[in-house]
Amino acid sequence: MTATIAESETVEITSVIEDCRDSSDNLFLATATDGNAKYLVSGDTDLLVLNPYREVQILAPNDFLKQLGHG
């Protein structure tokens, strides 16, 4: 957990995104987009079906670990 906190940053959300079929998930897309994230890791199928979203790869946890060479 300490390593995760050390690598964290605050993201100011300026985008209004309404692309997810579950509207409550649009916040995750906006955060990833405005934060210039490379990856959004989620098990939520409403997000996973959008992969890739703009410049963000949306991956399930196991697929993310494989991408990092740990799976």
PDB file of N, CA and C in Angstrom:
ATOM      1  N   MET A   1       0.818  -1.184   0.000  1.00  0.00           N
ATOM      2  CA  MET A   1       0.000   0.000   0.000  1.00  0.00           C
ATOM      3  C   MET A   1       0.867   1.255   0.000  1.00  0.00           C
ATOM      4  N   THR A   2       1.956   1.241   0.738  1.00  0.00           N
ATOM      5  CA  THR A   2       2.837   2.403   0.798  1.00  0.00           C
ATOM      6  C   THR A   2       3.396   2.733  -0.575  1.00  0.00           C
ATOM      7  N   ALA A   3       3.781   1.719  -1.344  1.00  0.00           N
ATOM      8  CA  ALA A   3       4.305   1.947  -2.691  1.00  0.00           C
ATOM      9  C   ALA A   3       3.244   2.565  -3.586  1.00  0.00           C
ATOM     10  N   THR A   4       2.009   2.131  -3.441  1.00  0.00           N
ATOM     11  CA  THR A   4       0.920   2.690  -4.243  1.00  0.00           C
ATOM     12  C   THR A   4       0.702   4.155  -3.908  1.00  0.00           C
ATOM     13  N   ILE A   5       0.691   4.488  -2.650  1.00  0.00           N
ATOM     14  CA  ILE A   5       0.497   5.877  -2.232  1.00  0.00           C
ATOM     15  C   ILE A   5       1.644   6.748  -2.731  1.00  0.00           C
ATOM     16  N   ALA A   6       2.862   6.243  -2.686  1.00  0.00           N
ATOM     17  CA  ALA A   6       4.018   7.005  -3.142  1.00  0.00           C
ATOM     18  C   ALA A   6       3.933   7.320  -4.632  1.00  0.00           C
ATOM     19  N   GLU A   7       3.276   6.480  -5.405  1.00  0.00           N
ATOM     20  CA  GLU A   7       3.148   6.676  -6.848  1.00  0.00           C
ATOM     21  C   GLU A   7       1.844   7.361  -7.242  1.00  0.00           C
ATOM     22  N   SER A   8       1.037   7.751  -6.288  1.00  0.00           N
ATOM     23  CA  SER A   8      -0.269   8.355  -6.565  1.00  0.00           C
ATOM     24  C   SER A   8      -0.141   9.844  -6.834  1.00  0.00           C
ATOM     25  N   GLU A   9      -1.118  10.372  -7.551  1.00  0.00           N
ATOM     26  CA  GLU A   9      -1.181  11.810  -7.768  1.00  0.00           C
ATOM     27  C   GLU A   9      -2.634  12.250  -7.833  1.00  0.00           C
ATOM     28  N   THR A  10      -2.864  13.498  -7.529  1.00  0.00           N
ATOM     29  CA  THR A  10      -4.201  14.065  -7.595  1.00  0.00           C
ATOM     30  C   THR A  10      -4.493  14.474  -9.033  1.00  0.00           C
ATOM     31  N   VAL A  11      -5.712  14.193  -9.493  1.00  0.00           N
ATOM     32  CA  VAL A  11      -6.109  14.531 -10.855  1.00  0.00           C
ATOM     33  C   VAL A  11      -7.281  15.500 -10.801  1.00  0.00           C
ATOM     34  N   GLU A  12      -7.122  16.631 -11.460  1.00  0.00           N
ATOM     35  CA  GLU A  12      -8.231  17.570 -11.594  1.00  0.00           C
ATOM     36  C   GLU A  12      -9.059  17.133 -12.798  1.00  0.00           C
ATOM     37  N   ILE A  13     -10.309  16.814 -12.550  1.00  0.00           N
ATOM     38  CA  ILE A  13     -11.186  16.327 -13.614  1.00  0.00           C
ATOM     39  C   ILE A  13     -11.876  17.519 -14.268  1.00  0.00           C
ATOM     40  N   THR A  14     -11.608  17.683 -15.559  1.00  0.00           N
ATOM     41  CA  THR A  14     -12.234  18.761 -16.323  1.00  0.00           C
ATOM     42  C   THR A  14     -13.136  18.222 -17.428  1.00  0.00           C
ATOM     43  N   SER A  15     -12.946  16.956 -17.788  1.00  0.00           N
ATOM     44  CA  SER A  15     -13.737  16.349 -18.859  1.00  0.00           C
ATOM     45  C   SER A  15     -15.114  15.937 -18.365  1.00  0.00           C
ATOM     46  N   VAL A  16     -16.072  16.057 -19.246  1.00  0.00           N
ATOM     47  CA  VAL A  16     -17.403  15.515 -18.997  1.00  0.00           C
ATOM     48  C   VAL A  16     -17.555  14.354 -19.970  1.00  0.00           C
ATOM     49  N   ILE A  17     -17.577  13.153 -19.429  1.00  0.00           N
ATOM     50  CA  ILE A  17     -17.646  11.946 -20.254  1.00  0.00           C
ATOM     51  C   ILE A  17     -18.957  11.239 -19.977  1.00  0.00           C
ATOM     52  N   GLU A  18     -19.619  10.848 -21.047  1.00  0.00           N
ATOM     53  CA  GLU A  18     -20.898  10.140 -20.937  1.00  0.00           C
ATOM     54  C   GLU A  18     -20.919   8.944 -21.886  1.00  0.00           C
ATOM     55  N   ASP A  19     -19.789   8.237 -21.966  1.00  0.00           N
ATOM     56  CA  ASP A  19     -19.654   7.153 -22.932  1.00  0.00           C
ATOM     57  C   ASP A  19     -19.931   5.761 -22.375  1.00  0.00           C
ATOM     58  N   CYS A  20     -19.950   5.614 -21.066  1.00  0.00           N
ATOM     59  CA  CYS A  20     -20.145   4.296 -20.464  1.00  0.00           C
ATOM     60  C   CYS A  20     -21.633   3.999 -20.295  1.00  0.00           C
ATOM     61  N   ARG A  21     -21.999   2.752 -20.551  1.00  0.00           N
ATOM     62  CA  ARG A  21     -23.416   2.377 -20.404  1.00  0.00           C
ATOM     63  C   ARG A  21     -23.874   2.440 -18.952  1.00  0.00           C
ATOM     64  N   ASP A  22     -22.944   2.352 -18.006  1.00  0.00           N
ATOM     65  CA  ASP A  22     -23.242   2.572 -16.588  1.00  0.00           C
ATOM     66  C   ASP A  22     -22.735   3.970 -16.247  1.00  0.00           C
ATOM     67  N   SER A  23     -23.622   4.916 -16.133  1.00  0.00           N
ATOM     68  CA  SER A  23     -23.227   6.318 -15.959  1.00  0.00           C
ATOM     69  C   SER A  23     -22.350   6.554 -14.731  1.00  0.00           C
ATOM     70  N   SER A  24     -22.451   5.703 -13.726  1.00  0.00           N
ATOM     71  CA  SER A  24     -21.619   5.885 -12.532  1.00  0.00           C
ATOM     72  C   SER A  24     -20.145   5.576 -12.810  1.00  0.00           C
ATOM     73  N   ASP A  25     -19.852   4.917 -13.927  1.00  0.00           N
ATOM     74  CA  ASP A  25     -18.467   4.593 -14.288  1.00  0.00           C
ATOM     75  C   ASP A  25     -17.788   5.690 -15.100  1.00  0.00           C
ATOM     76  N   ASN A  26     -18.544   6.681 -15.551  1.00  0.00           N
ATOM     77  CA  ASN A  26     -17.949   7.757 -16.342  1.00  0.00           C
ATOM     78  C   ASN A  26     -16.880   8.520 -15.573  1.00  0.00           C
ATOM     79  N   LEU A  27     -17.010   8.590 -14.262  1.00  0.00           N
ATOM     80  CA  LEU A  27     -16.009   9.255 -13.432  1.00  0.00           C
ATOM     81  C   LEU A  27     -14.642   8.577 -13.571  1.00  0.00           C
ATOM     82  N   PHE A  28     -14.623   7.248 -13.655  1.00  0.00           N
ATOM     83  CA  PHE A  28     -13.362   6.522 -13.815  1.00  0.00           C
ATOM     84  C   PHE A  28     -12.726   6.837 -15.165  1.00  0.00           C
ATOM     85  N   LEU A  29     -13.551   6.925 -16.206  1.00  0.00           N
ATOM     86  CA  LEU A  29     -13.039   7.270 -17.531  1.00  0.00           C
ATOM     87  C   LEU A  29     -12.486   8.694 -17.548  1.00  0.00           C
ATOM     88  N   ALA A  30     -13.192   9.612 -16.920  1.00  0.00           N
ATOM     89  CA  ALA A  30     -12.735  11.001 -16.872  1.00  0.00           C
ATOM     90  C   ALA A  30     -11.431  11.121 -16.085  1.00  0.00           C
ATOM     91  N   THR A  31     -11.331  10.413 -14.981  1.00  0.00           N
ATOM     92  CA  THR A  31     -10.116  10.453 -14.171  1.00  0.00           C
ATOM     93  C   THR A  31      -8.936   9.899 -14.948  1.00  0.00           C
ATOM     94  N   ALA A  32      -9.127   8.767 -15.603  1.00  0.00           N
ATOM     95  CA  ALA A  32      -8.053   8.157 -16.388  1.00  0.00           C
ATOM     96  C   ALA A  32      -7.644   9.056 -17.552  1.00  0.00           C
ATOM     97  N   THR A  33      -8.621   9.636 -18.222  1.00  0.00           N
ATOM     98  CA  THR A  33      -8.342  10.498 -19.369  1.00  0.00           C
ATOM     99  C   THR A  33      -7.641  11.782 -18.943  1.00  0.00           C
ATOM    100  N   ASP A  34      -8.197  12.478 -17.974  1.00  0.00           N
ATOM    101  CA  ASP A  34      -7.608  13.744 -17.529  1.00  0.00           C
ATOM    102  C   ASP A  34      -6.272  13.545 -16.823  1.00  0.00           C
ATOM    103  N   GLY A  35      -6.070  12.374 -16.248  1.00  0.00           N
ATOM    104  CA  GLY A  35      -4.809  12.073 -15.583  1.00  0.00           C
ATOM    105  C   GLY A  35      -3.766  11.470 -16.503  1.00  0.00           C
ATOM    106  N   ASN A  36      -4.095  11.376 -17.796  1.00  0.00           N
ATOM    107  CA  ASN A  36      -3.180  10.805 -18.789  1.00  0.00           C
ATOM    108  C   ASN A  36      -2.708   9.406 -18.407  1.00  0.00           C
ATOM    109  N   ALA A  37      -3.626   8.610 -17.886  1.00  0.00           N
ATOM    110  CA  ALA A  37      -3.295   7.244 -17.484  1.00  0.00           C
ATOM    111  C   ALA A  37      -3.050   6.371 -18.711  1.00  0.00           C
ATOM    112  N   LYS A  38      -2.147   5.437 -18.570  1.00  0.00           N
ATOM    113  CA  LYS A  38      -1.922   4.441 -19.620  1.00  0.00           C
ATOM    114  C   LYS A  38      -2.901   3.288 -19.459  1.00  0.00           C
ATOM    115  N   TYR A  39      -3.240   2.988 -18.195  1.00  0.00           N
ATOM    116  CA  TYR A  39      -4.090   1.845 -17.894  1.00  0.00           C
ATOM    117  C   TYR A  39      -5.187   2.229 -16.910  1.00  0.00           C
ATOM    118  N   LEU A  40      -6.323   1.581 -17.077  1.00  0.00           N
ATOM    119  CA  LEU A  40      -7.404   1.595 -16.099  1.00  0.00           C
ATOM    120  C   LEU A  40      -7.672   0.128 -15.806  1.00  0.00           C
ATOM    121  N   VAL A  41      -7.451  -0.288 -14.575  1.00  0.00           N
ATOM    122  CA  VAL A  41      -7.590  -1.692 -14.196  1.00  0.00           C
ATOM    123  C   VAL A  41      -8.917  -1.873 -13.483  1.00  0.00           C
ATOM    124  N   SER A  42      -9.748  -2.775 -14.018  1.00  0.00           N
ATOM    125  CA  SER A  42     -11.086  -2.972 -13.469  1.00  0.00           C
ATOM    126  C   SER A  42     -11.619  -4.338 -13.878  1.00  0.00           C
ATOM    127  N   GLY A  43     -12.469  -4.878 -13.051  1.00  0.00           N
ATOM    128  CA  GLY A  43     -13.194  -6.092 -13.398  1.00  0.00           C
ATOM    129  C   GLY A  43     -14.600  -5.788 -13.884  1.00  0.00           C
ATOM    130  N   ASP A  44     -14.922  -4.520 -14.014  1.00  0.00           N
ATOM    131  CA  ASP A  44     -16.257  -4.061 -14.393  1.00  0.00           C
ATOM    132  C   ASP A  44     -16.454  -4.207 -15.902  1.00  0.00           C
ATOM    133  N   THR A  45     -17.387  -5.056 -16.299  1.00  0.00           N
ATOM    134  CA  THR A  45     -17.605  -5.304 -17.729  1.00  0.00           C
ATOM    135  C   THR A  45     -18.096  -4.067 -18.470  1.00  0.00           C
ATOM    136  N   ASP A  46     -18.764  -3.154 -17.772  1.00  0.00           N
ATOM    137  CA  ASP A  46     -19.209  -1.920 -18.420  1.00  0.00           C
ATOM    138  C   ASP A  46     -18.023  -1.066 -18.867  1.00  0.00           C
ATOM    139  N   LEU A  47     -16.917  -1.166 -18.166  1.00  0.00           N
ATOM    140  CA  LEU A  47     -15.698  -0.466 -18.564  1.00  0.00           C
ATOM    141  C   LEU A  47     -14.871  -1.297 -19.538  1.00  0.00           C
ATOM    142  N   LEU A  48     -14.751  -2.584 -19.276  1.00  0.00           N
ATOM    143  CA  LEU A  48     -13.909  -3.447 -20.106  1.00  0.00           C
ATOM    144  C   LEU A  48     -14.335  -3.465 -21.570  1.00  0.00           C
ATOM    145  N   VAL A  49     -15.630  -3.349 -21.839  1.00  0.00           N
ATOM    146  CA  VAL A  49     -16.096  -3.376 -23.237  1.00  0.00           C
ATOM    147  C   VAL A  49     -15.651  -2.137 -24.009  1.00  0.00           C
ATOM    148  N   LEU A  50     -15.200  -1.110 -23.328  1.00  0.00           N
ATOM    149  CA  LEU A  50     -14.757   0.119 -23.989  1.00  0.00           C
ATOM    150  C   LEU A  50     -13.276   0.094 -24.376  1.00  0.00           C
ATOM    151  N   ASN A  51     -12.564  -0.957 -24.007  1.00  0.00           N
ATOM    152  CA  ASN A  51     -11.122  -1.045 -24.264  1.00  0.00           C
ATOM    153  C   ASN A  51     -10.819  -1.142 -25.750  1.00  0.00           C
ATOM    154  N   PRO A  52      -9.886  -0.329 -26.232  1.00  0.00           N
ATOM    155  CA  PRO A  52      -9.249   0.796 -25.554  1.00  0.00           C
ATOM    156  C   PRO A  52     -10.164   2.008 -25.568  1.00  0.00           C
ATOM    157  N   TYR A  53     -10.008   2.861 -24.588  1.00  0.00           N
ATOM    158  CA  TYR A  53     -10.794   4.095 -24.513  1.00  0.00           C
ATOM    159  C   TYR A  53      -9.842   5.260 -24.692  1.00  0.00           C
ATOM    160  N   ARG A  54      -9.975   5.934 -25.822  1.00  0.00           N
ATOM    161  CA  ARG A  54      -9.049   7.011 -26.191  1.00  0.00           C
ATOM    162  C   ARG A  54      -7.636   6.457 -26.115  1.00  0.00           C
ATOM    163  N   GLU A  55      -6.784   6.983 -25.277  1.00  0.00           N
ATOM    164  CA  GLU A  55      -5.402   6.493 -25.165  1.00  0.00           C
ATOM    165  C   GLU A  55      -5.219   5.540 -23.979  1.00  0.00           C
ATOM    166  N   VAL A  56      -6.310   5.162 -23.329  1.00  0.00           N
ATOM    167  CA  VAL A  56      -6.250   4.361 -22.103  1.00  0.00           C
ATOM    168  C   VAL A  56      -6.601   2.905 -22.397  1.00  0.00           C
ATOM    169  N   GLN A  57      -5.731   1.993 -21.967  1.00  0.00           N
ATOM    170  CA  GLN A  57      -6.021   0.569 -22.044  1.00  0.00           C
ATOM    171  C   GLN A  57      -6.820   0.186 -20.801  1.00  0.00           C
ATOM    172  N   ILE A  58      -7.996  -0.400 -20.991  1.00  0.00           N
ATOM    173  CA  ILE A  58      -8.824  -0.840 -19.867  1.00  0.00           C
ATOM    174  C   ILE A  58      -8.675  -2.350 -19.768  1.00  0.00           C
ATOM    175  N   LEU A  59      -8.083  -2.803 -18.685  1.00  0.00           N
ATOM    176  CA  LEU A  59      -7.741  -4.212 -18.532  1.00  0.00           C
ATOM    177  C   LEU A  59      -8.269  -4.782 -17.223  1.00  0.00           C
ATOM    178  N   ALA A  60      -8.627  -6.063 -17.281  1.00  0.00           N
ATOM    179  CA  ALA A  60      -8.950  -6.807 -16.063  1.00  0.00           C
ATOM    180  C   ALA A  60      -7.648  -6.993 -15.278  1.00  0.00           C
ATOM    181  N   PRO A  61      -7.733  -7.166 -13.969  1.00  0.00           N
ATOM    182  CA  PRO A  61      -6.516  -7.297 -13.160  1.00  0.00           C
ATOM    183  C   PRO A  61      -5.532  -8.351 -13.674  1.00  0.00           C
ATOM    184  N   ASN A  62      -6.010  -9.536 -14.032  1.00  0.00           N
ATOM    185  CA  ASN A  62      -5.106 -10.584 -14.520  1.00  0.00           C
ATOM    186  C   ASN A  62      -4.416 -10.179 -15.815  1.00  0.00           C
ATOM    187  N   ASP A  63      -5.150  -9.517 -16.708  1.00  0.00           N
ATOM    188  CA  ASP A  63      -4.559  -9.063 -17.964  1.00  0.00           C
ATOM    189  C   ASP A  63      -3.532  -7.958 -17.730  1.00  0.00           C
ATOM    190  N   PHE A  64      -3.783  -7.116 -16.753  1.00  0.00           N
ATOM    191  CA  PHE A  64      -2.819  -6.072 -16.409  1.00  0.00           C
ATOM    192  C   PHE A  64      -1.524  -6.695 -15.885  1.00  0.00           C
ATOM    193  N   LEU A  65      -1.645  -7.699 -15.032  1.00  0.00           N
ATOM    194  CA  LEU A  65      -0.451  -8.375 -14.514  1.00  0.00           C
ATOM    195  C   LEU A  65       0.331  -9.047 -15.636  1.00  0.00           C
ATOM    196  N   LYS A  66      -0.373  -9.640 -16.596  1.00  0.00           N
ATOM    197  CA  LYS A  66       0.298 -10.233 -17.760  1.00  0.00           C
ATOM    198  C   LYS A  66       1.034  -9.161 -18.554  1.00  0.00           C
ATOM    199  N   GLN A  67       0.410  -8.008 -18.720  1.00  0.00           N
ATOM    200  CA  GLN A  67       1.024  -6.888 -19.442  1.00  0.00           C
ATOM    201  C   GLN A  67       2.330  -6.475 -18.770  1.00  0.00           C
ATOM    202  N   LEU A  68       2.361  -6.558 -17.457  1.00  0.00           N
ATOM    203  CA  LEU A  68       3.559  -6.199 -16.698  1.00  0.00           C
ATOM    204  C   LEU A  68       4.568  -7.338 -16.625  1.00  0.00           C
ATOM    205  N   GLY A  69       4.186  -8.501 -17.146  1.00  0.00           N
ATOM    206  CA  GLY A  69       5.078  -9.652 -17.114  1.00  0.00           C
ATOM    207  C   GLY A  69       5.023 -10.434 -15.822  1.00  0.00           C
ATOM    208  N   HIS A  70       3.912 -10.305 -15.074  1.00  0.00           N
ATOM    209  CA  HIS A  70       3.768 -11.004 -13.792  1.00  0.00           C
ATOM    210  C   HIS A  70       2.676 -12.066 -13.816  1.00  0.00           C
ATOM    211  N   GLY A  71       2.228 -12.441 -14.986  1.00  0.00           N
ATOM    212  CA  GLY A  71       1.115 -13.378 -15.001  1.00  0.00           C
ATOM    213  C   GLY A  71       1.255 -14.497 -15.949  1.00  0.00           C
TER     214      GLY A  71
END
